[in-house]
Protein backbone atom coordinates (compact mmCIF):
# COMPACT_ATOMS: atom_id res chain seq x y z
CA MET A 1 -38.58 -59.97 44.28
CA LEU A 2 -37.07 -56.53 44.06
CA ARG A 3 -33.61 -57.28 42.68
CA SER A 4 -35.58 -59.42 39.96
CA ARG A 5 -37.29 -55.95 38.89
CA VAL A 6 -33.80 -53.88 38.98
CA ALA A 7 -32.74 -56.84 36.87
CA ARG A 8 -35.26 -56.52 34.57
CA ALA A 9 -35.07 -52.71 34.16
CA PHE A 10 -31.41 -52.92 33.60
CA TRP A 11 -32.08 -55.35 30.79
CA ARG A 12 -34.80 -53.39 29.35
CA ALA A 13 -32.23 -50.09 29.33
CA ARG A 14 -29.32 -52.30 28.40
CA PHE A 15 -28.66 -50.39 24.86
CA ALA A 16 -29.25 -46.69 26.27
CA ILE A 17 -26.94 -47.60 28.91
CA ALA A 18 -24.42 -48.64 26.44
CA ALA A 19 -24.84 -45.81 24.33
CA VAL A 20 -24.09 -43.57 27.17
CA CYS A 21 -21.32 -45.12 28.28
CA LEU A 22 -19.81 -45.31 24.70
CA GLY A 23 -20.64 -41.44 24.41
CA LEU A 24 -18.72 -40.75 27.66
CA ALA A 25 -15.54 -42.77 26.49
CA ALA A 26 -15.63 -41.35 23.39
CA ALA A 27 -15.82 -37.65 24.79
CA LEU A 28 -12.63 -38.95 27.15
CA VAL A 29 -10.92 -39.79 24.35
CA VAL A 30 -11.53 -36.62 22.33
CA GLY A 31 -10.55 -34.66 25.24
CA ALA A 32 -7.23 -36.66 25.72
CA LEU A 33 -6.09 -36.36 21.91
CA ARG A 34 -7.18 -32.51 21.68
CA PRO A 35 -4.25 -30.52 20.99
CA ALA A 36 -3.31 -27.67 23.70
CA PRO A 37 -3.98 -24.17 22.77
CA PRO A 38 -0.93 -23.01 20.40
CA ALA A 39 1.32 -20.60 22.26
CA THR A 40 0.48 -16.85 21.55
CA VAL A 41 2.44 -13.50 21.85
CA PRO A 42 1.47 -9.89 22.08
CA VAL A 43 2.11 -7.95 18.86
CA LEU A 44 1.06 -4.68 18.09
CA VAL A 45 -1.53 -4.12 15.43
CA VAL A 46 -3.51 -1.36 13.73
CA ALA A 47 -7.00 -0.51 15.71
CA HIS A 48 -8.56 1.05 12.54
CA ASP A 49 -7.87 1.64 9.03
CA VAL A 50 -5.12 4.22 8.51
CA ALA A 51 -4.30 6.37 5.65
CA ALA A 52 -0.75 6.22 4.09
CA GLY A 53 1.55 9.16 5.45
CA THR A 54 -0.26 9.25 8.49
CA PRO A 55 1.69 9.69 11.83
CA LEU A 56 0.57 6.84 14.56
CA ASP A 57 -0.71 7.70 18.01
CA THR A 58 -1.23 5.08 20.63
CA HIS A 59 -4.99 5.42 20.03
CA ASP A 60 -4.10 4.21 16.44
CA VAL A 61 -2.71 1.03 17.69
CA ARG A 62 -3.51 -1.67 20.44
CA VAL A 63 -2.24 -5.02 21.28
CA SER A 64 -3.43 -8.35 20.45
CA ARG A 65 -2.43 -12.08 20.92
CA VAL A 66 -1.78 -13.93 18.08
CA PRO A 67 -0.27 -17.48 17.47
CA THR A 68 3.56 -17.52 18.07
CA ALA A 69 3.80 -19.43 14.42
CA LEU A 70 2.18 -16.38 12.48
CA ALA A 71 3.56 -13.64 14.91
CA PRO A 72 6.28 -11.50 12.46
CA GLN A 73 9.56 -11.48 14.70
CA THR A 74 10.15 -7.92 13.99
CA ALA A 75 6.43 -7.03 15.13
CA TYR A 76 6.50 -4.10 17.37
CA ARG A 77 5.02 -5.48 20.91
CA GLU A 78 3.79 -2.19 22.84
CA PRO A 79 1.78 1.26 21.60
CA ASP A 80 4.80 3.39 22.62
CA ASP A 81 7.01 1.35 19.65
CA ALA A 82 4.95 2.81 17.17
CA ALA A 83 3.89 6.33 18.17
CA GLY A 84 5.36 9.11 16.09
CA ARG A 85 5.95 6.84 13.12
CA VAL A 86 4.45 7.23 9.81
CA ALA A 87 2.59 4.79 7.65
CA SER A 88 4.49 4.17 4.71
CA VAL A 89 1.24 2.48 3.27
CA ALA A 90 -2.36 2.20 3.54
CA LEU A 91 -2.87 -0.11 6.94
CA ALA A 92 -5.97 -2.02 7.34
CA ALA A 93 -7.47 -2.66 10.74
CA GLY A 94 -5.95 -5.40 12.17
CA THR A 95 -2.77 -5.42 10.39
CA VAL A 96 0.21 -6.46 12.49
CA VAL A 97 2.50 -3.58 12.91
CA THR A 98 6.22 -3.91 11.77
CA PRO A 99 9.14 -1.60 10.67
CA GLY A 100 8.48 -2.40 7.08
CA LEU A 101 5.06 -0.90 7.17
CA VAL A 102 5.95 2.28 9.17
CA ALA A 103 8.85 4.76 8.79
CA ALA A 104 10.65 6.55 11.63
CA GLY A 105 10.24 10.06 9.90
CA GLY A 106 11.72 11.87 6.90
CA VAL A 107 10.56 11.16 3.39
CA ALA A 108 13.42 8.63 2.44
CA ALA A 109 12.36 6.45 5.38
CA THR A 110 9.14 5.79 4.06
CA ALA A 111 10.39 4.19 0.93
CA PRO A 112 10.41 0.42 0.65
CA LYS A 113 13.75 -1.50 1.06
CA GLY A 114 15.90 -1.33 -2.00
CA ARG A 115 14.15 1.61 -3.73
CA VAL A 116 15.31 5.20 -3.87
CA VAL A 117 13.30 8.42 -3.82
CA VAL A 118 12.64 10.99 -6.68
CA ALA A 119 10.94 14.28 -6.73
CA LEU A 120 9.73 15.12 -10.08
CA SER A 121 7.00 17.81 -11.60
CA LEU A 122 4.02 16.57 -13.59
CA GLY A 123 3.33 20.16 -15.61
CA ASP A 124 -0.19 20.24 -16.37
CA ASP A 125 -1.03 16.77 -15.92
CA PRO A 126 -4.73 16.44 -14.71
CA ALA A 127 -3.87 13.48 -12.89
CA ALA A 128 -1.74 15.08 -10.08
CA ALA A 129 -4.87 15.91 -8.52
CA LEU A 130 -5.84 12.38 -8.13
CA VAL A 131 -2.69 11.42 -7.11
CA GLY A 132 -1.75 10.86 -3.20
CA PRO A 133 0.32 8.83 -0.73
CA GLY A 134 0.11 4.97 -1.20
CA ASP A 135 -1.20 5.12 -4.66
CA HIS A 136 1.07 3.31 -7.45
CA VAL A 137 1.45 4.91 -10.60
CA ASP A 138 3.55 4.39 -14.03
CA LEU A 139 5.34 7.39 -15.43
CA LEU A 140 5.48 8.12 -18.65
CA ALA A 141 7.66 10.78 -20.48
CA SER A 142 6.19 12.42 -23.76
CA THR A 143 8.15 13.77 -26.32
CA THR A 144 7.73 15.49 -29.84
CA ASP A 145 10.07 14.71 -32.76
CA GLY A 146 12.18 18.03 -33.21
CA ALA A 147 12.29 18.66 -29.79
CA THR A 148 9.53 21.58 -30.31
CA ASP A 149 6.52 22.30 -31.57
CA GLU A 150 7.30 25.94 -32.78
CA PRO A 151 6.53 26.75 -36.49
CA SER A 152 9.44 26.01 -38.79
CA GLY A 153 8.14 27.69 -41.79
CA THR A 154 7.02 24.81 -43.89
CA ASP A 155 5.03 21.81 -43.31
CA THR A 156 4.29 19.14 -45.84
CA ASN A 157 0.89 17.48 -45.65
CA ASP A 158 -0.24 14.10 -46.64
CA THR A 159 -0.29 14.88 -50.48
CA GLY A 160 2.90 16.57 -50.50
CA ASP A 161 1.90 20.41 -50.62
CA THR A 162 3.94 22.88 -48.67
CA GLY A 163 2.44 25.74 -46.55
CA GLY A 164 4.53 28.74 -46.00
CA ASP A 165 3.83 29.76 -42.40
CA ALA A 166 2.14 26.41 -40.95
CA PRO A 167 3.80 24.85 -37.96
CA GLU A 168 5.79 21.57 -39.18
CA ARG A 169 3.85 18.23 -37.94
CA ARG A 170 5.77 16.57 -35.51
CA GLU A 171 5.05 12.76 -34.25
CA ARG A 172 4.84 12.62 -30.31
CA THR A 173 6.32 9.49 -28.55
CA SER A 174 5.99 8.25 -25.18
CA SER A 175 8.07 5.98 -23.12
CA TYR A 176 8.17 4.44 -19.62
CA LEU A 177 9.99 5.97 -16.87
CA ALA A 178 8.97 4.01 -14.13
CA ARG A 179 6.20 1.05 -13.22
CA ARG A 180 4.45 0.89 -10.10
CA ALA A 181 6.29 3.69 -8.34
CA LEU A 182 4.81 4.09 -5.15
CA VAL A 183 3.92 7.69 -4.33
CA LEU A 184 5.19 8.72 -0.95
CA PRO A 185 4.06 11.16 1.53
CA GLN A 186 5.07 14.81 1.47
CA ALA A 187 5.60 17.32 4.04
CA GLN A 188 3.12 20.05 3.99
CA ALA A 189 3.92 23.80 3.61
CA GLU A 190 3.99 25.69 6.56
CA HIS A 191 1.95 28.74 4.96
CA GLY A 192 -1.12 28.01 2.59
CA SER A 193 -4.68 27.07 2.12
CA GLY A 194 -3.88 23.65 1.53
CA GLY A 195 -4.27 23.35 -2.07
CA GLY A 196 -2.46 20.84 -4.47
CA LEU A 197 -0.04 18.11 -3.78
CA LEU A 198 2.53 20.62 -1.58
CA GLY A 199 -0.22 22.05 0.70
CA GLY A 200 0.49 25.51 -0.52
CA ASP A 201 -1.10 27.33 -3.66
CA SER A 202 -1.52 25.12 -6.54
CA THR A 203 -1.07 27.60 -9.19
CA ALA A 204 2.33 29.02 -7.63
CA THR A 205 4.26 25.91 -9.03
CA ALA A 206 3.68 22.85 -10.96
CA PRO A 207 2.51 19.98 -8.97
CA THR A 208 5.12 17.66 -7.82
CA ILE A 209 5.07 14.13 -6.59
CA VAL A 210 7.68 12.09 -4.58
CA VAL A 211 8.02 8.56 -5.78
CA ALA A 212 10.16 5.70 -4.70
CA VAL A 213 11.53 3.83 -7.78
CA THR A 214 14.45 1.61 -8.65
CA ALA A 215 18.05 3.15 -8.97
CA LYS A 216 17.56 2.43 -12.74
CA GLU A 217 14.02 4.08 -12.88
CA ALA A 218 15.65 7.07 -11.17
CA GLU A 219 18.36 7.25 -14.04
CA ALA A 220 15.91 7.32 -16.47
CA ILE A 221 13.70 10.01 -14.71
CA ALA A 222 17.17 12.16 -14.25
CA GLY A 223 18.10 11.71 -17.74
CA ARG A 224 14.87 12.79 -19.51
CA PRO A 225 14.85 15.43 -22.11
CA ASP A 226 14.18 18.90 -20.39
CA TRP A 227 11.20 19.08 -22.87
CA ALA A 228 9.84 15.74 -22.01
CA ARG A 229 6.20 15.83 -20.61
CA VAL A 230 5.81 13.68 -17.63
CA THR A 231 2.29 11.95 -17.22
CA ALA A 232 1.38 9.85 -14.41
CA VAL A 233 -1.22 6.88 -14.53
CA LEU A 234 -2.60 5.49 -12.02
CA VAL A 235 -2.24 1.69 -11.54
CA ARG A 236 -3.87 -0.96 -9.10
């Protein structure tokens, strides 16, 4: 009697029991086929956003584990590896720290591989106050036909008339010296109020920037006319 009731109960619940068994079997199959977690290695990453030109301290970085396949071979592993190095470009939080992103010291060391370092004056260019380490700029040289704008004694206007002492009208032309030059950090002056790009008195000398350019662009910068006015154009 009891056996008959149990048999009838199992028969009524046969579909539910089958579903449970199928679910357990599926779970076992999925667990068996699931790949093992990828191997990871410790790498050094930036703990918070760091501006270009900032010397790194152990508090600016942290150790994080990433999949071995995604870890750069040159990545630093310990906080002490990056301590004292200077960020060559702006670093976002979580960026893996590699030698290509930080420099051991000195302006030349902060330049990307294959680039040379050039310092040049921007004269009275208003853009000088907006340019900072990590920015990219196009550098243009503006010259005036005839070299100077000083009065020459005669001037020919659009109608052909001549003037006695009016300055001669001259045509201004511009040419590219460098494109997307990387602005590098500069050593701050030991004394001064911190004004201008060099950290000293911005009225004492013309604003100067240090940029990383190609060797060909460096030749163009060095060979520009003495009277050429250099303008920096910020680019993305």
